[in-house]
Amino acid sequence: MEGIGWIGAIIIGGIAGWIAEKIMKTDHNMLMNIVMGIVGALVANAILFFIFGNTLGGVIGQLIVAVIGACLLIWIFRAIRGRG
């Protein structure tokens, strides 16, 4: 989340984690939503930078990247842990 700052990263991470929680139909607390959003943004930005050499800029771009990254993390966690 380049250029957003810590407070912005926490806010965007929380929103992205909450959106990903609703998309993936999971139930996390607010802290886990923030963590999933921030880590998801870091992972998705790294993937985008590796593939395209650039990431989406701005708050909306970073929110989209964070939601996609958080959904990816939830999917990976489910695949490792299993649904049961």
Protein backbone atom coordinates (compact mmCIF):
# COMPACT_ATOMS: atom_id res chain seq x y z
CA MET A 1 0.00 0.00 0.00
CA GLU A 2 2.48 2.49 -1.25
CA GLY A 3 1.95 6.15 -0.43
CA ILE A 4 -1.09 5.67 1.79
CA GLY A 5 0.50 5.72 5.24
CA TRP A 6 -0.13 3.58 8.30
CA ILE A 7 -3.54 4.98 9.22
CA GLY A 8 -4.73 4.73 5.62
CA ALA A 9 -3.41 1.18 5.37
CA ILE A 10 -5.29 0.19 8.53
CA ILE A 11 -8.52 1.78 7.30
CA ILE A 12 -8.26 0.32 3.79
CA GLY A 13 -7.17 -3.03 5.24
CA GLY A 14 -10.19 -3.12 7.52
CA ILE A 15 -12.60 -2.25 4.72
CA ALA A 16 -10.96 -4.71 2.32
CA GLY A 17 -10.97 -7.47 4.94
CA TRP A 18 -14.65 -6.84 5.66
CA ILE A 19 -15.54 -6.92 1.95
CA ALA A 20 -13.51 -10.11 1.46
CA GLU A 21 -15.23 -11.61 4.52
CA LYS A 22 -18.63 -10.95 2.92
CA ILE A 23 -17.55 -12.24 -0.52
CA MET A 24 -16.02 -15.44 0.88
CA LYS A 25 -18.83 -15.89 3.45
CA THR A 26 -16.59 -16.16 6.50
CA ASP A 27 -16.92 -14.70 9.98
CA HIS A 28 -13.87 -12.88 11.37
CA ASN A 29 -13.42 -10.19 13.96
CA MET A 30 -12.33 -6.64 13.12
CA LEU A 31 -8.65 -7.24 13.92
CA MET A 32 -8.54 -10.28 11.63
CA ASN A 33 -10.25 -8.26 8.87
CA ILE A 34 -7.58 -5.56 9.15
CA VAL A 35 -4.77 -8.12 9.12
CA MET A 36 -6.27 -10.01 6.16
CA GLY A 37 -6.76 -6.75 4.25
CA ILE A 38 -3.22 -5.48 4.83
CA VAL A 39 -1.48 -8.81 4.23
CA GLY A 40 -3.74 -9.45 1.24
CA ALA A 41 -2.77 -6.07 -0.21
CA LEU A 42 0.92 -6.82 0.29
CA VAL A 43 0.60 -10.24 -1.38
CA ALA A 44 -1.53 -9.01 -4.29
CA ASN A 45 0.72 -5.96 -4.86
CA ALA A 46 3.79 -8.22 -4.92
CA ILE A 47 2.11 -10.53 -7.45
CA LEU A 48 1.01 -7.60 -9.63
CA PHE A 49 4.46 -6.02 -9.48
CA PHE A 50 6.13 -9.33 -10.36
CA ILE A 51 3.83 -9.99 -13.33
CA PHE A 52 3.22 -6.50 -14.72
CA GLY A 53 5.98 -4.39 -13.15
CA ASN A 54 3.39 -2.06 -11.65
CA THR A 55 0.45 -2.02 -9.25
CA LEU A 56 -2.84 -0.15 -9.12
CA GLY A 57 -2.41 3.32 -7.66
CA GLY A 58 -4.63 5.44 -5.46
CA VAL A 59 -6.97 4.56 -2.67
CA ILE A 60 -9.58 2.83 -4.85
CA GLY A 61 -6.92 0.83 -6.70
CA GLN A 62 -5.35 -0.29 -3.45
CA LEU A 63 -8.77 -1.20 -2.04
CA ILE A 64 -9.46 -3.41 -5.05
CA VAL A 65 -6.03 -5.04 -4.78
CA ALA A 66 -6.48 -5.56 -1.03
CA VAL A 67 -9.90 -7.20 -1.49
CA ILE A 68 -8.53 -9.56 -4.13
CA GLY A 69 -5.52 -10.37 -1.96
CA ALA A 70 -7.64 -10.96 1.14
CA CYS A 71 -9.98 -13.26 -0.82
CA LEU A 72 -6.92 -15.14 -2.07
CA LEU A 73 -5.61 -15.52 1.49
CA ILE A 74 -8.97 -16.79 2.75
CA TRP A 75 -9.11 -19.29 -0.12
CA ILE A 76 -5.56 -20.52 0.60
CA PHE A 77 -6.31 -20.78 4.33
CA ARG A 78 -9.43 -22.84 3.58
CA ALA A 79 -7.51 -25.09 1.18
CA ILE A 80 -4.84 -25.80 3.79
CA ARG A 81 -7.14 -26.13 6.78
CA GLY A 82 -10.06 -27.76 5.03
CA ARG A 83 -13.69 -26.82 5.32
CA GLY A 84 -14.64 -29.21 8.12
